[in-house]
Amino acid sequence: MKNIADTVHIGELIAVSRFFQLNTYQMINLIENGAMEVFEKKEDFYNKYGEKETYTELEDWCELNNGKIFTKSK
């Protein structure tokens, strides 16, 4: 299992948890279980999902001002 702290700062986790309306514990569990992904750069996100208007394979996604993108699978 990868260390979440190496990927996500607690401030980012708090900000994104408000967007997804989850608590931080739920966010960490989703990331650990692969139901939520964290992309360091927008290019990494586009490489996996493509650049399009809507992403039907995702429940939702959020881009932070530092360029990180959080996705939540359906």
C-alpha atoms as a PDB file:
ATOM      1  CA  MET A   1       0.000   0.000   0.000  1.00  0.00           C
ATOM      2  CA  LYS A   2       1.335   3.442  -0.906  1.00  0.00           C
ATOM      3  CA  ASN A   3       1.708   6.193   1.659  1.00  0.00           C
ATOM      4  CA  ILE A   4      -1.057   8.754   1.056  1.00  0.00           C
ATOM      5  CA  ALA A   5       0.992  11.475   2.779  1.00  0.00           C
ATOM      6  CA  ASP A   6       3.581  11.240  -0.022  1.00  0.00           C
ATOM      7  CA  THR A   7       0.907  12.214  -2.552  1.00  0.00           C
ATOM      8  CA  VAL A   8      -1.635  14.407  -0.763  1.00  0.00           C
ATOM      9  CA  HIS A   9      -1.103  17.262   1.697  1.00  0.00           C
ATOM     10  CA  ILE A  10      -3.624  17.453   4.559  1.00  0.00           C
ATOM     11  CA  GLY A  11      -4.784  20.893   3.362  1.00  0.00           C
ATOM     12  CA  GLU A  12      -5.521  19.475  -0.085  1.00  0.00           C
ATOM     13  CA  LEU A  13      -7.388  16.588   1.489  1.00  0.00           C
ATOM     14  CA  ILE A  14      -9.546  18.928   3.559  1.00  0.00           C
ATOM     15  CA  ALA A  15     -10.325  21.204   0.602  1.00  0.00           C
ATOM     16  CA  VAL A  16     -11.257  18.338  -1.699  1.00  0.00           C
ATOM     17  CA  SER A  17     -13.252  16.524   0.976  1.00  0.00           C
ATOM     18  CA  ARG A  18     -15.524  19.558   1.174  1.00  0.00           C
ATOM     19  CA  PHE A  19     -16.004  19.491  -2.588  1.00  0.00           C
ATOM     20  CA  PHE A  20     -16.920  15.789  -2.594  1.00  0.00           C
ATOM     21  CA  GLN A  21     -18.919  16.198   0.654  1.00  0.00           C
ATOM     22  CA  LEU A  22     -16.933  13.475   2.405  1.00  0.00           C
ATOM     23  CA  ASN A  23     -14.883  13.533   5.578  1.00  0.00           C
ATOM     24  CA  THR A  24     -11.111  13.106   5.451  1.00  0.00           C
ATOM     25  CA  TYR A  25     -11.298   9.526   6.723  1.00  0.00           C
ATOM     26  CA  GLN A  26     -13.643   8.579   3.862  1.00  0.00           C
ATOM     27  CA  MET A  27     -11.341  10.333   1.392  1.00  0.00           C
ATOM     28  CA  ILE A  28      -8.298   8.388   2.583  1.00  0.00           C
ATOM     29  CA  ASN A  29     -10.209   5.102   2.375  1.00  0.00           C
ATOM     30  CA  LEU A  30     -11.356   5.857  -1.174  1.00  0.00           C
ATOM     31  CA  ILE A  31      -7.794   6.722  -2.238  1.00  0.00           C
ATOM     32  CA  GLU A  32      -6.376   3.596  -0.582  1.00  0.00           C
ATOM     33  CA  ASN A  33      -9.036   1.392  -2.228  1.00  0.00           C
ATOM     34  CA  GLY A  34      -8.555   2.921  -5.674  1.00  0.00           C
ATOM     35  CA  ALA A  35     -12.038   4.462  -5.875  1.00  0.00           C
ATOM     36  CA  MET A  36     -10.439   7.906  -5.867  1.00  0.00           C
ATOM     37  CA  GLU A  37      -7.334   8.878  -7.813  1.00  0.00           C
ATOM     38  CA  VAL A  38      -4.914  11.758  -7.406  1.00  0.00           C
ATOM     39  CA  PHE A  39      -3.114  13.118 -10.459  1.00  0.00           C
ATOM     40  CA  GLU A  40      -0.118  15.383  -9.928  1.00  0.00           C
ATOM     41  CA  LYS A  41      -0.581  17.124 -13.293  1.00  0.00           C
ATOM     42  CA  LYS A  42      -3.462  17.747 -15.657  1.00  0.00           C
ATOM     43  CA  GLU A  43      -1.485  16.001 -18.416  1.00  0.00           C
ATOM     44  CA  ASP A  44      -1.504  12.769 -16.388  1.00  0.00           C
ATOM     45  CA  PHE A  45      -5.288  13.041 -16.047  1.00  0.00           C
ATOM     46  CA  TYR A  46      -5.684  13.675 -19.788  1.00  0.00           C
ATOM     47  CA  ASN A  47      -3.414  10.730 -20.609  1.00  0.00           C
ATOM     48  CA  LYS A  48      -5.753   8.404 -18.713  1.00  0.00           C
ATOM     49  CA  TYR A  49      -9.201   9.895 -19.441  1.00  0.00           C
ATOM     50  CA  GLY A  50      -8.661  12.124 -22.470  1.00  0.00           C
ATOM     51  CA  GLU A  51      -9.591  15.767 -22.884  1.00  0.00           C
ATOM     52  CA  LYS A  52     -13.365  16.055 -23.225  1.00  0.00           C
ATOM     53  CA  GLU A  53     -16.375  18.012 -21.997  1.00  0.00           C
ATOM     54  CA  THR A  54     -17.804  15.347 -19.668  1.00  0.00           C
ATOM     55  CA  TYR A  55     -16.332  12.260 -18.076  1.00  0.00           C
ATOM     56  CA  THR A  56     -19.136   9.713 -17.861  1.00  0.00           C
ATOM     57  CA  GLU A  57     -16.840   7.131 -16.264  1.00  0.00           C
ATOM     58  CA  LEU A  58     -16.333   9.408 -13.235  1.00  0.00           C
ATOM     59  CA  GLU A  59     -18.809  10.396 -10.566  1.00  0.00           C
ATOM     60  CA  ASP A  60     -16.982  13.724 -10.262  1.00  0.00           C
ATOM     61  CA  TRP A  61     -13.564  15.328 -10.406  1.00  0.00           C
ATOM     62  CA  CYS A  62     -11.886  18.369  -8.905  1.00  0.00           C
ATOM     63  CA  GLU A  63      -8.819  20.372  -9.953  1.00  0.00           C
ATOM     64  CA  LEU A  64      -6.915  22.348  -7.336  1.00  0.00           C
ATOM     65  CA  ASN A  65      -5.115  25.595  -8.083  1.00  0.00           C
ATOM     66  CA  ASN A  66      -1.768  23.779  -7.762  1.00  0.00           C
ATOM     67  CA  GLY A  67      -2.677  21.544 -10.717  1.00  0.00           C
ATOM     68  CA  LYS A  68      -3.531  18.361  -8.810  1.00  0.00           C
ATOM     69  CA  ILE A  69      -6.684  16.595  -9.913  1.00  0.00           C
ATOM     70  CA  PHE A  70      -8.787  14.326  -7.713  1.00  0.00           C
ATOM     71  CA  THR A  71     -11.234  11.939  -9.365  1.00  0.00           C
ATOM     72  CA  LYS A  72     -13.972   9.805  -7.826  1.00  0.00           C
ATOM     73  CA  SER A  73     -15.092   6.723  -9.725  1.00  0.00           C
ATOM     74  CA  LYS A  74     -18.742   5.741 -10.075  1.00  0.00           C
END
